[in-house]
Each structure stands twice: as structure tokens, then as C-alpha cells.
Amino acid sequence: MASYSIPYESMDPLTIGAADDETKVYRDSLDLEVPDENLLAAIYPDEPDPVPNATEAARTALENPHSGPRFSELLAGASSVAVVIDNQFRPTPASKLLPPVFDAIEAAGITDARVVCANGKVFPMSDSDISQKL
């Protein structure tokens, strides 16, 4: 019989928009025993090391992408831009990732910029949800 410990994390759905607040994250593990005859394979992801500073990593990635033009080149000549963000139910650290995006938009001289919340089929984000997300 093989024993496995599967780590997981979760957040209270009411605070999920504040994903960059580590105090809101609950971490634990689920311990399982699997009979040998039921185990086909044990596959583990190759997890990258955490990024020490998400804001600076985003800034670097925008100007040094793995492929394609730099973000500043994409913005060149644009008169308006829309930035689409996910809703309050996705635990992305948008408040850490968006500042370099907004800085680049401002540096390009674009004054007509909009933020669009991609809500899908869920209710619209409240002002509080948007504040936490941004």
C-alpha cells in the first residue's frame, strides 16, 4: 500500500479577491493510502520556485517576453487600451501584477484606458471586490 500526502490551499470565498494577503490562505494536506493494485502511476509536477517580487517579475516580463514584441511596442501608436482582469473568484495577485501594466500604459502616453472585469456568468463585482482586486 502506498501512502501519499497531497498539499492544497484554499481561501474563504468572501476574501478570495484579496489573494495577495497570505493571512487569508489556508494550507493543509490530504493524506491518502492507495492499494498497490490500484496505483497506475505517481506523477508529480515540476513546480517552479516562487517569484520573490511579483511586481518586478511582471515588469521584466512585459519588456522581455519569451516570445513576441515587448509590451511597450504593442502600445506604441495606440490611442486607447482595455485591460481585462479576472473576477473576485480567481485568486490571482492582480494588485501586484497590474502596476507595471498601468505604468507602461501611462509611459506610452495613452490617456484612454479602461479596466474590464471578466465576470463570466457570476454576479458583477462590487466596488469593494474591485478595490481588493486592484
C-alpha atoms as a PDB file:
ATOM      1  CA  MET A   1       0.000   0.000   0.000  1.00  0.00           C
ATOM      2  CA  ALA A   2       1.376   3.407  -0.978  1.00  0.00           C
ATOM      3  CA  SER A   3       0.879   6.498   1.182  1.00  0.00           C
ATOM      4  CA  TYR A   4       0.603   9.979  -0.290  1.00  0.00           C
ATOM      5  CA  SER A   5       0.212  13.438   1.137  1.00  0.00           C
ATOM      6  CA  ILE A   6      -1.431  15.875  -1.278  1.00  0.00           C
ATOM      7  CA  PRO A   7      -0.933  19.540  -0.356  1.00  0.00           C
ATOM      8  CA  TYR A   8      -3.685  22.039  -1.077  1.00  0.00           C
ATOM      9  CA  GLU A   9      -4.633  25.597  -0.312  1.00  0.00           C
ATOM     10  CA  SER A  10      -7.941  27.387  -0.210  1.00  0.00           C
ATOM     11  CA  MET A  11      -9.414  30.746   0.636  1.00  0.00           C
ATOM     12  CA  ASP A  12     -12.658  31.946   2.083  1.00  0.00           C
ATOM     13  CA  PRO A  13     -14.830  32.784  -0.963  1.00  0.00           C
ATOM     14  CA  LEU A  14     -15.623  36.179   0.544  1.00  0.00           C
ATOM     15  CA  THR A  15     -11.953  37.167   0.650  1.00  0.00           C
ATOM     16  CA  ILE A  16     -10.684  35.452  -2.495  1.00  0.00           C
ATOM     17  CA  GLY A  17     -10.214  38.796  -4.238  1.00  0.00           C
ATOM     18  CA  ALA A  18      -7.508  39.620  -1.700  1.00  0.00           C
ATOM     19  CA  ALA A  19      -5.276  36.804  -2.953  1.00  0.00           C
ATOM     20  CA  ASP A  20      -2.118  38.731  -2.239  1.00  0.00           C
ATOM     21  CA  ASP A  21      -2.904  38.655   1.503  1.00  0.00           C
ATOM     22  CA  GLU A  22      -1.165  35.493   2.734  1.00  0.00           C
ATOM     23  CA  THR A  23      -3.079  35.626   6.021  1.00  0.00           C
ATOM     24  CA  LYS A  24      -6.235  34.709   4.083  1.00  0.00           C
ATOM     25  CA  VAL A  25      -4.755  31.492   2.650  1.00  0.00           C
ATOM     26  CA  TYR A  26      -5.466  28.171   4.362  1.00  0.00           C
ATOM     27  CA  ARG A  27      -2.935  25.443   3.648  1.00  0.00           C
ATOM     28  CA  ASP A  28      -3.184  21.790   4.576  1.00  0.00           C
ATOM     29  CA  SER A  29      -2.687  18.363   3.074  1.00  0.00           C
ATOM     30  CA  LEU A  30      -4.835  15.357   2.373  1.00  0.00           C
ATOM     31  CA  ASP A  31      -3.290  12.033   3.366  1.00  0.00           C
ATOM     32  CA  LEU A  32      -4.249   9.031   1.256  1.00  0.00           C
ATOM     33  CA  GLU A  33      -3.391   5.356   1.192  1.00  0.00           C
ATOM     34  CA  VAL A  34      -3.738   3.697  -2.189  1.00  0.00           C
ATOM     35  CA  PRO A  35      -3.619  -0.084  -2.595  1.00  0.00           C
ATOM     36  CA  ASP A  36      -0.716  -1.062  -4.866  1.00  0.00           C
ATOM     37  CA  GLU A  37      -3.045  -2.801  -7.323  1.00  0.00           C
ATOM     38  CA  ASN A  38      -4.992   0.476  -7.817  1.00  0.00           C
ATOM     39  CA  LEU A  39      -1.942   2.634  -8.457  1.00  0.00           C
ATOM     40  CA  LEU A  40      -1.078   3.125 -12.107  1.00  0.00           C
ATOM     41  CA  ALA A  41       1.440   5.948 -11.679  1.00  0.00           C
ATOM     42  CA  ALA A  42       2.514   8.677  -9.307  1.00  0.00           C
ATOM     43  CA  ILE A  43       3.093  11.885 -11.275  1.00  0.00           C
ATOM     44  CA  TYR A  44       4.431  14.970  -9.559  1.00  0.00           C
ATOM     45  CA  PRO A  45       4.523  18.420 -11.151  1.00  0.00           C
ATOM     46  CA  ASP A  46       7.828  20.189 -11.554  1.00  0.00           C
ATOM     47  CA  GLU A  47       6.934  23.282  -9.533  1.00  0.00           C
ATOM     48  CA  PRO A  48       8.951  26.400 -10.261  1.00  0.00           C
ATOM     49  CA  ASP A  49      10.422  28.359  -7.382  1.00  0.00           C
ATOM     50  CA  PRO A  50       8.172  31.175  -6.137  1.00  0.00           C
ATOM     51  CA  VAL A  51       8.813  34.604  -7.596  1.00  0.00           C
ATOM     52  CA  PRO A  52      10.221  36.788  -4.806  1.00  0.00           C
ATOM     53  CA  ASN A  53       8.687  40.011  -6.186  1.00  0.00           C
ATOM     54  CA  ALA A  54       5.693  39.554  -8.479  1.00  0.00           C
ATOM     55  CA  THR A  55       5.527  43.240  -9.437  1.00  0.00           C
ATOM     56  CA  GLU A  56       9.123  43.361 -10.636  1.00  0.00           C
ATOM     57  CA  ALA A  57       8.776  39.973 -12.340  1.00  0.00           C
ATOM     58  CA  ALA A  58       5.759  41.304 -14.255  1.00  0.00           C
ATOM     59  CA  ARG A  59       7.640  44.482 -15.187  1.00  0.00           C
ATOM     60  CA  THR A  60      10.560  42.424 -16.506  1.00  0.00           C
ATOM     61  CA  ALA A  61       8.278  40.026 -18.398  1.00  0.00           C
ATOM     62  CA  LEU A  62       6.439  42.887 -20.127  1.00  0.00           C
ATOM     63  CA  GLU A  63       9.669  44.241 -21.586  1.00  0.00           C
ATOM     64  CA  ASN A  64      11.472  40.913 -22.028  1.00  0.00           C
ATOM     65  CA  PRO A  65       8.808  38.429 -23.163  1.00  0.00           C
ATOM     66  CA  HIS A  66       9.691  34.838 -24.003  1.00  0.00           C
ATOM     67  CA  SER A  67       8.343  35.486 -27.486  1.00  0.00           C
ATOM     68  CA  GLY A  68       6.664  38.297 -29.371  1.00  0.00           C
ATOM     69  CA  PRO A  69       7.068  42.041 -29.143  1.00  0.00           C
ATOM     70  CA  ARG A  70       7.637  43.992 -25.948  1.00  0.00           C
ATOM     71  CA  PHE A  71       4.540  45.380 -24.287  1.00  0.00           C
ATOM     72  CA  SER A  72       5.765  48.917 -24.962  1.00  0.00           C
ATOM     73  CA  GLU A  73       5.941  48.051 -28.687  1.00  0.00           C
ATOM     74  CA  LEU A  74       2.376  46.744 -28.611  1.00  0.00           C
ATOM     75  CA  LEU A  75       1.250  50.008 -27.020  1.00  0.00           C
ATOM     76  CA  ALA A  76       3.130  52.241 -29.465  1.00  0.00           C
ATOM     77  CA  GLY A  77       0.714  54.288 -31.531  1.00  0.00           C
ATOM     78  CA  ALA A  78      -2.355  53.160 -29.597  1.00  0.00           C
ATOM     79  CA  SER A  79      -4.847  55.808 -28.561  1.00  0.00           C
ATOM     80  CA  SER A  80      -6.842  53.602 -26.187  1.00  0.00           C
ATOM     81  CA  VAL A  81      -6.420  50.334 -24.349  1.00  0.00           C
ATOM     82  CA  ALA A  82      -8.591  47.907 -22.374  1.00  0.00           C
ATOM     83  CA  VAL A  83      -7.104  45.804 -19.585  1.00  0.00           C
ATOM     84  CA  VAL A  84      -9.178  42.713 -18.813  1.00  0.00           C
ATOM     85  CA  ILE A  85      -8.963  41.305 -15.286  1.00  0.00           C
ATOM     86  CA  ASP A  86     -10.477  38.185 -13.807  1.00  0.00           C
ATOM     87  CA  ASN A  87     -13.259  38.274 -11.256  1.00  0.00           C
ATOM     88  CA  GLN A  88     -13.189  38.081  -7.478  1.00  0.00           C
ATOM     89  CA  PHE A  89     -13.301  34.278  -7.521  1.00  0.00           C
ATOM     90  CA  ARG A  90      -9.875  33.842  -9.107  1.00  0.00           C
ATOM     91  CA  PRO A  91      -7.002  34.100  -6.633  1.00  0.00           C
ATOM     92  CA  THR A  92      -4.622  35.948  -8.940  1.00  0.00           C
ATOM     93  CA  PRO A  93      -2.430  38.625  -7.365  1.00  0.00           C
ATOM     94  CA  ALA A  94      -3.733  41.310  -9.742  1.00  0.00           C
ATOM     95  CA  SER A  95      -2.818  44.083  -7.315  1.00  0.00           C
ATOM     96  CA  LYS A  96       0.823  43.022  -7.711  1.00  0.00           C
ATOM     97  CA  LEU A  97       0.740  42.340 -11.461  1.00  0.00           C
ATOM     98  CA  LEU A  98      -1.185  45.375 -12.718  1.00  0.00           C
ATOM     99  CA  PRO A  99       1.032  48.294 -11.596  1.00  0.00           C
ATOM    100  CA  PRO A 100       3.670  47.618 -14.293  1.00  0.00           C
ATOM    101  CA  VAL A 101       0.890  47.331 -16.887  1.00  0.00           C
ATOM    102  CA  PHE A 102      -0.579  50.681 -15.862  1.00  0.00           C
ATOM    103  CA  ASP A 103       2.898  52.243 -15.703  1.00  0.00           C
ATOM    104  CA  ALA A 104       3.598  51.114 -19.268  1.00  0.00           C
ATOM    105  CA  ILE A 105       0.250  52.470 -20.473  1.00  0.00           C
ATOM    106  CA  GLU A 106       1.000  55.814 -18.840  1.00  0.00           C
ATOM    107  CA  ALA A 107       4.562  55.865 -20.249  1.00  0.00           C
ATOM    108  CA  ALA A 108       3.105  55.302 -23.738  1.00  0.00           C
ATOM    109  CA  GLY A 109       1.020  58.455 -23.281  1.00  0.00           C
ATOM    110  CA  ILE A 110      -2.290  56.623 -23.505  1.00  0.00           C
ATOM    111  CA  THR A 111      -4.983  58.501 -21.617  1.00  0.00           C
ATOM    112  CA  ASP A 112      -7.995  56.441 -22.705  1.00  0.00           C
ATOM    113  CA  ALA A 113      -7.550  53.266 -20.652  1.00  0.00           C
ATOM    114  CA  ARG A 114     -10.292  51.055 -19.247  1.00  0.00           C
ATOM    115  CA  VAL A 115     -10.310  48.111 -16.881  1.00  0.00           C
ATOM    116  CA  VAL A 116     -12.849  45.432 -17.762  1.00  0.00           C
ATOM    117  CA  CYS A 117     -13.850  42.793 -15.219  1.00  0.00           C
ATOM    118  CA  ALA A 118     -14.435  39.410 -16.866  1.00  0.00           C
ATOM    119  CA  ASN A 119     -17.251  38.115 -14.710  1.00  0.00           C
ATOM    120  CA  GLY A 120     -18.496  35.310 -16.907  1.00  0.00           C
ATOM    121  CA  LYS A 121     -21.810  34.084 -15.563  1.00  0.00           C
ATOM    122  CA  VAL A 122     -21.350  35.290 -11.990  1.00  0.00           C
ATOM    123  CA  PHE A 123     -22.728  38.459 -10.471  1.00  0.00           C
ATOM    124  CA  PRO A 124     -20.848  41.729 -11.124  1.00  0.00           C
ATOM    125  CA  MET A 125     -18.017  42.709  -8.833  1.00  0.00           C
ATOM    126  CA  SER A 126     -18.887  45.203  -6.113  1.00  0.00           C
ATOM    127  CA  ASP A 127     -16.804  48.334  -5.557  1.00  0.00           C
ATOM    128  CA  SER A 128     -15.215  46.536  -2.596  1.00  0.00           C
ATOM    129  CA  ASP A 129     -14.381  43.485  -4.749  1.00  0.00           C
ATOM    130  CA  ILE A 130     -12.790  45.726  -7.378  1.00  0.00           C
ATOM    131  CA  SER A 131     -10.772  47.608  -4.748  1.00  0.00           C
ATOM    132  CA  GLN A 132      -9.457  44.335  -3.309  1.00  0.00           C
ATOM    133  CA  LYS A 133      -8.608  43.012  -6.769  1.00  0.00           C
ATOM    134  CA  LEU A 134      -6.798  46.127  -7.914  1.00  0.00           C
END
